[in-house]
Amino acid sequence: MIMQLPAKAPWLFWLIAGMLLACGRDNQTLPAPTGFLPAHFPPPVYNFAKNEPTSAGFELGNALFYDPITSVDSSISCASCHFQAHAFSDVVDFSRGVAGRLGMRNAPPLQNLAWKPHFNADGGINHLDLQPIAPITNTLEHAFDLNLLFERLRQHPSYPQRFMAAFGSDQINDRSLLLAISQFVGQLISADSKYDAVVLGKSSFSNEEAAGYRLFQQHCNGCHTEPLFSNFDFKRNGYASTTADEGRAQVTGKPSDVGKFSVPGLRNIAVTAPYMHDGQLRSLADVLDSYAQPSQTPDPRLGTGVQLSPAERSQLLAFLHTLTDVSFLTNPAFKAP
């Protein structure tokens, strides 16, 4: 089961978890769970009861995440486009897959995925367990046939034993592969930023951060709703993309959904540049510039743009930096095995 830890000690948990996981690499039967549910978060969407995290399952998912064995030519892994120091996002506008093939969208951060009702910028996948199928089979990313991947894993000198330790069977198929990856990425929980400390009464904002928080609540919180900083809806924000990506309309086929994309969460936003689905905005200042521009096609709540004075921009940026969770970005439990 998932441990419900005291909200006041997430850092202590992760210190202990890192130690347990280090030991678990020598003892795959270690029974300790590997995650926690933040007390100030709503209930997760993902049903952990149907894929109960264990140390063996978490470590197997960790190994698969970092192993290029999941790509057809064994040249890239999930971690090739999702770097922990950047909240498991990429640092380029479009990531490169096998044979240097260029992707179509900016790689998103991987954090608090258990609370997401859908995945990808267009929401085309609606379950965490199914999400890995997209990059593994996409010809611009891993470009691998799942059945061939299963066979490769079955022939591997250690993976059959690791699946046995995690699931009580050395059978490697779509179910066991996807559940293993979910056990790892489902535990990528970011909930220990300065913002969280303030919410939990352990810290307080500076005057500038507090002013920025008020501006955020006035202009941003409607879509980037606390505490996950997304309402998980699809919005057209008026951004003039450099690509012909139709966004949500690619899933629904509705003309009214052209240009709509999933509202991203803003946790760790200061370290996840570049921004927008095409990665063309290089800094948070660029993002504020974009939202200040009037557009003929934005969500109505944006009106003619969000106009901020230089002082207000500085305040809002100061608040956004309080969403950076250093313990998440450096947690040894999330590093390559």
Foldseek 3Di string as FASTA:
>chain_A
DADADPLVDPVVLLVVLLVVLVVCVVPVQQFDFRAHDHPPDDDFQADCVVQPGGSLLQQLLLQQQAFLLLAPVRPGHQQQAFALLLLGHHAALWDFAPPRQTHDWGGDHQAQCRRAQADDFQRQGGHQLCVVVCQSCDCRHRVDDQVVSQVVQLPDPPNLVSLCSRPVGSRGHSNSNSSSNCSNSNRLYFQAFLVNCVVVVNDDDDPLQVLLVVVCVVQPCVALPPDQGGPQDWWQAQFDDPDQDQRNCVRVVDPLSGRTTTRHHLQSVQRNADDDTSRPRGGVVSVQVRQQAAHPDGDVSSPRGDDDDPSNVSSNVSNSNRSYRVCSSPRSSNDRD
